[in-house]
């Protein structure tokens, strides 16, 4: 799946990207899915972040699937950082 996305991505693209990842411990406690699926999910999110040299993955401790609800301050900070980087071209 990521191979197709990478192939479609323009070379040299430098847009900032912040991937906020749920806390794997929250999913393990709730037995949301298996360790294998968790590992694949994490690997896919890490690969997604590599589509741009300015991609980053942050695990948000204590959050579940809805990171934006579980960690509102972290989510808002991430959005502001990406917007600032776009506006100032940093």
N, C-alpha and C. Protein backbone atom coordinates (compact mmCIF):
# COMPACT_ATOMS: atom_id res chain seq x y z
N UNK A 1 0.82 -1.18 0.00
CA UNK A 1 0.00 0.00 0.00
C UNK A 1 0.87 1.25 0.00
N UNK A 2 1.91 1.28 0.82
CA UNK A 2 2.76 2.46 0.90
C UNK A 2 3.58 2.64 -0.37
N UNK A 3 3.87 1.56 -1.07
CA UNK A 3 4.64 1.66 -2.30
C UNK A 3 3.89 2.51 -3.33
N UNK A 4 2.59 2.31 -3.45
CA UNK A 4 1.78 3.09 -4.38
C UNK A 4 1.74 4.56 -3.97
N UNK A 5 1.62 4.82 -2.67
CA UNK A 5 1.59 6.20 -2.19
C UNK A 5 2.93 6.88 -2.44
N UNK A 6 4.02 6.16 -2.21
CA UNK A 6 5.35 6.72 -2.43
C UNK A 6 5.57 7.01 -3.90
N UNK A 7 5.10 6.13 -4.77
CA UNK A 7 5.27 6.32 -6.20
C UNK A 7 4.48 7.53 -6.69
N UNK A 8 3.34 7.81 -6.05
CA UNK A 8 2.51 8.94 -6.46
C UNK A 8 2.99 10.26 -5.89
N UNK A 9 3.87 10.21 -4.90
CA UNK A 9 4.35 11.42 -4.25
C UNK A 9 5.40 12.11 -5.13
N UNK A 10 5.24 13.42 -5.38
CA UNK A 10 6.23 14.14 -6.19
C UNK A 10 7.59 14.13 -5.51
N UNK A 11 8.62 13.91 -6.30
CA UNK A 11 9.98 13.92 -5.75
C UNK A 11 10.31 15.31 -5.24
N UNK A 12 11.03 15.33 -4.13
CA UNK A 12 11.46 16.60 -3.58
C UNK A 12 10.39 17.31 -2.75
N UNK A 13 9.27 16.68 -2.58
CA UNK A 13 8.20 17.30 -1.78
C UNK A 13 8.70 17.49 -0.35
N UNK A 14 8.53 18.67 0.18
CA UNK A 14 9.04 18.94 1.51
C UNK A 14 7.97 19.43 2.47
N UNK A 15 6.74 19.09 2.22
CA UNK A 15 5.67 19.50 3.12
C UNK A 15 5.86 18.86 4.49
N UNK A 16 5.57 19.61 5.55
CA UNK A 16 5.65 19.02 6.88
C UNK A 16 4.50 18.05 7.10
N UNK A 17 4.74 17.02 7.87
CA UNK A 17 3.72 16.02 8.17
C UNK A 17 3.95 15.53 9.59
N UNK A 18 2.92 15.57 10.38
CA UNK A 18 3.00 15.07 11.76
C UNK A 18 1.95 13.99 11.93
N UNK A 19 2.40 12.76 12.17
CA UNK A 19 1.50 11.64 12.40
C UNK A 19 1.42 11.44 13.91
N UNK A 20 0.22 11.58 14.46
CA UNK A 20 0.01 11.34 15.89
C UNK A 20 -0.53 9.93 16.04
N UNK A 21 0.24 9.13 16.73
CA UNK A 21 -0.05 7.69 16.85
C UNK A 21 -0.64 7.38 18.21
N UNK A 22 -1.64 6.52 18.23
CA UNK A 22 -2.21 6.09 19.51
C UNK A 22 -1.15 5.37 20.34
N UNK A 23 -1.41 5.25 21.61
CA UNK A 23 -0.50 4.57 22.52
C UNK A 23 -0.72 3.06 22.40
N UNK A 24 0.29 2.31 21.95
CA UNK A 24 0.12 0.86 21.81
C UNK A 24 -0.29 0.18 23.12
N UNK A 25 0.12 0.73 24.25
CA UNK A 25 -0.24 0.14 25.54
C UNK A 25 -1.74 0.22 25.79
N UNK A 26 -2.38 1.27 25.32
CA UNK A 26 -3.83 1.41 25.47
C UNK A 26 -4.53 0.32 24.68
N UNK A 27 -4.05 0.05 23.49
CA UNK A 27 -4.65 -1.01 22.67
C UNK A 27 -4.36 -2.39 23.24
N UNK A 28 -3.18 -2.59 23.81
CA UNK A 28 -2.84 -3.88 24.40
C UNK A 28 -3.73 -4.17 25.62
N UNK A 29 -3.95 -3.14 26.43
CA UNK A 29 -4.78 -3.30 27.62
C UNK A 29 -6.22 -3.65 27.25
N UNK A 30 -6.73 -2.99 26.24
CA UNK A 30 -8.11 -3.24 25.81
C UNK A 30 -8.24 -4.39 24.83
N UNK A 31 -7.11 -4.98 24.49
CA UNK A 31 -7.09 -6.08 23.50
C UNK A 31 -7.86 -5.70 22.24
N UNK A 32 -7.53 -4.51 21.74
CA UNK A 32 -8.20 -4.00 20.54
C UNK A 32 -7.82 -4.84 19.34
N UNK A 33 -6.54 -5.14 19.21
CA UNK A 33 -6.10 -6.03 18.14
C UNK A 33 -4.80 -6.71 18.56
N UNK A 34 -4.34 -7.62 17.74
CA UNK A 34 -3.18 -8.44 18.10
C UNK A 34 -1.88 -7.64 18.02
N UNK A 35 -0.84 -8.19 18.63
CA UNK A 35 0.48 -7.56 18.56
C UNK A 35 0.96 -7.45 17.12
N UNK A 36 0.62 -8.45 16.30
CA UNK A 36 1.02 -8.43 14.89
C UNK A 36 0.38 -7.25 14.17
N UNK A 37 -0.90 -7.04 14.38
CA UNK A 37 -1.60 -5.93 13.73
C UNK A 37 -1.03 -4.61 14.25
N UNK A 38 -0.76 -4.52 15.54
CA UNK A 38 -0.18 -3.30 16.11
C UNK A 38 1.16 -2.99 15.46
N UNK A 39 1.98 -4.01 15.28
CA UNK A 39 3.30 -3.81 14.65
C UNK A 39 3.14 -3.35 13.20
N UNK A 40 2.21 -3.94 12.47
CA UNK A 40 1.97 -3.53 11.08
C UNK A 40 1.45 -2.10 11.02
N UNK A 41 0.55 -1.76 11.93
CA UNK A 41 -0.02 -0.41 11.96
C UNK A 41 1.09 0.62 12.21
N UNK A 42 1.94 0.34 13.18
CA UNK A 42 3.05 1.24 13.48
C UNK A 42 4.01 1.37 12.30
N UNK A 43 4.30 0.25 11.65
CA UNK A 43 5.21 0.27 10.50
C UNK A 43 4.60 1.08 9.35
N UNK A 44 3.30 0.93 9.13
CA UNK A 44 2.64 1.70 8.06
C UNK A 44 2.65 3.19 8.38
N UNK A 45 2.42 3.55 9.62
CA UNK A 45 2.44 4.97 9.98
C UNK A 45 3.85 5.54 9.83
N UNK A 46 4.86 4.77 10.21
CA UNK A 46 6.25 5.22 10.04
C UNK A 46 6.58 5.38 8.56
N UNK A 47 6.12 4.44 7.72
CA UNK A 47 6.35 4.53 6.28
C UNK A 47 5.63 5.75 5.69
N UNK A 48 4.42 6.01 6.16
CA UNK A 48 3.66 7.16 5.69
C UNK A 48 4.43 8.45 5.97
N UNK A 49 5.04 8.54 7.13
CA UNK A 49 5.80 9.74 7.49
C UNK A 49 7.02 9.94 6.61
N UNK A 50 7.52 8.88 6.00
CA UNK A 50 8.71 9.01 5.14
C UNK A 50 8.37 9.54 3.75
N UNK A 51 7.09 9.75 3.48
CA UNK A 51 6.72 10.29 2.17
C UNK A 51 7.23 11.71 1.99
N UNK A 52 7.59 12.35 3.06
CA UNK A 52 8.19 13.68 3.01
C UNK A 52 9.40 13.69 3.95
N UNK A 53 10.46 14.39 3.57
CA UNK A 53 11.63 14.46 4.46
C UNK A 53 11.30 15.13 5.79
N UNK A 54 10.17 15.81 5.86
CA UNK A 54 9.79 16.52 7.08
C UNK A 54 8.69 15.80 7.84
N UNK A 55 8.56 14.49 7.60
CA UNK A 55 7.55 13.70 8.28
C UNK A 55 8.04 13.25 9.65
N UNK A 56 7.11 13.13 10.57
CA UNK A 56 7.44 12.73 11.93
C UNK A 56 6.28 11.93 12.51
N UNK A 57 6.60 10.92 13.31
CA UNK A 57 5.60 10.14 14.01
C UNK A 57 5.80 10.36 15.50
N UNK A 58 4.71 10.70 16.19
CA UNK A 58 4.75 10.88 17.63
C UNK A 58 3.74 9.96 18.28
N UNK A 59 4.20 9.12 19.21
CA UNK A 59 3.29 8.29 19.98
C UNK A 59 2.74 9.16 21.10
N UNK A 60 1.43 9.25 21.18
CA UNK A 60 0.79 10.08 22.19
C UNK A 60 0.35 9.16 23.33
N UNK A 61 1.14 9.17 24.38
CA UNK A 61 0.91 8.27 25.51
C UNK A 61 -0.45 8.52 26.16
N UNK A 62 -1.15 7.43 26.43
CA UNK A 62 -2.46 7.49 27.07
C UNK A 62 -3.62 7.67 26.11
N UNK A 63 -3.32 7.79 24.81
CA UNK A 63 -4.41 8.02 23.85
C UNK A 63 -4.80 6.74 23.13
N UNK A 64 -6.06 6.70 22.74
CA UNK A 64 -6.57 5.60 21.95
C UNK A 64 -6.70 6.03 20.50
N UNK A 65 -7.68 5.47 19.80
CA UNK A 65 -7.86 5.75 18.38
C UNK A 65 -8.10 7.22 18.09
N UNK A 66 -8.88 7.87 18.93
CA UNK A 66 -9.22 9.28 18.71
C UNK A 66 -8.23 10.18 19.45
N UNK A 67 -7.03 10.23 18.94
CA UNK A 67 -5.96 11.01 19.58
C UNK A 67 -6.40 12.46 19.76
N UNK A 68 -7.05 13.01 18.78
CA UNK A 68 -7.47 14.41 18.85
C UNK A 68 -8.42 14.67 20.01
N UNK A 69 -9.16 13.66 20.45
CA UNK A 69 -10.04 13.82 21.61
C UNK A 69 -9.32 13.49 22.91
N UNK A 70 -8.50 12.45 22.86
CA UNK A 70 -7.81 11.98 24.07
C UNK A 70 -6.68 12.91 24.49
N UNK A 71 -6.09 13.59 23.54
CA UNK A 71 -4.95 14.48 23.83
C UNK A 71 -5.10 15.75 23.00
N UNK A 72 -6.06 16.54 23.37
CA UNK A 72 -6.38 17.73 22.59
C UNK A 72 -5.22 18.72 22.50
N UNK A 73 -4.52 18.93 23.59
CA UNK A 73 -3.41 19.89 23.57
C UNK A 73 -2.30 19.43 22.63
N UNK A 74 -2.00 18.14 22.65
CA UNK A 74 -0.96 17.60 21.76
C UNK A 74 -1.40 17.76 20.30
N UNK A 75 -2.66 17.48 20.03
CA UNK A 75 -3.19 17.59 18.68
C UNK A 75 -3.14 19.03 18.16
N UNK A 76 -3.58 19.96 18.99
CA UNK A 76 -3.57 21.37 18.59
C UNK A 76 -2.15 21.85 18.36
N UNK A 77 -1.23 21.45 19.23
CA UNK A 77 0.17 21.84 19.07
C UNK A 77 0.73 21.31 17.76
N UNK A 78 0.42 20.07 17.43
CA UNK A 78 0.91 19.48 16.17
C UNK A 78 0.37 20.23 14.96
N UNK A 79 -0.92 20.55 14.97
CA UNK A 79 -1.51 21.30 13.86
C UNK A 79 -0.86 22.67 13.74
N UNK A 80 -0.68 23.34 14.85
CA UNK A 80 -0.04 24.66 14.82
C UNK A 80 1.38 24.60 14.29
N UNK A 81 2.13 23.56 14.67
CA UNK A 81 3.51 23.41 14.19
C UNK A 81 3.54 23.21 12.68
N UNK A 82 2.65 22.38 12.17
CA UNK A 82 2.60 22.13 10.73
C UNK A 82 2.20 23.41 9.99
N UNK A 83 1.18 24.10 10.49
CA UNK A 83 0.75 25.34 9.84
C UNK A 83 1.85 26.40 9.88
N UNK A 84 2.53 26.53 10.99
CA UNK A 84 3.63 27.50 11.09
C UNK A 84 4.73 27.16 10.09
N UNK A 85 5.05 25.87 9.98
CA UNK A 85 6.09 25.46 9.04
C UNK A 85 5.67 25.75 7.60
N UNK A 86 4.40 25.58 7.30
CA UNK A 86 3.90 25.89 5.94
C UNK A 86 3.95 27.38 5.65
N UNK A 87 3.49 28.17 6.60
CA UNK A 87 3.40 29.61 6.41
C UNK A 87 4.79 30.24 6.33
N UNK A 88 5.68 29.81 7.21
CA UNK A 88 7.02 30.41 7.25
C UNK A 88 8.01 29.66 6.37
N UNK A 89 7.54 28.58 5.77
CA UNK A 89 8.39 27.73 4.90
C UNK A 89 9.63 27.23 5.63
N UNK A 90 9.45 26.90 6.89
CA UNK A 90 10.58 26.37 7.69
C UNK A 90 10.63 24.88 7.55
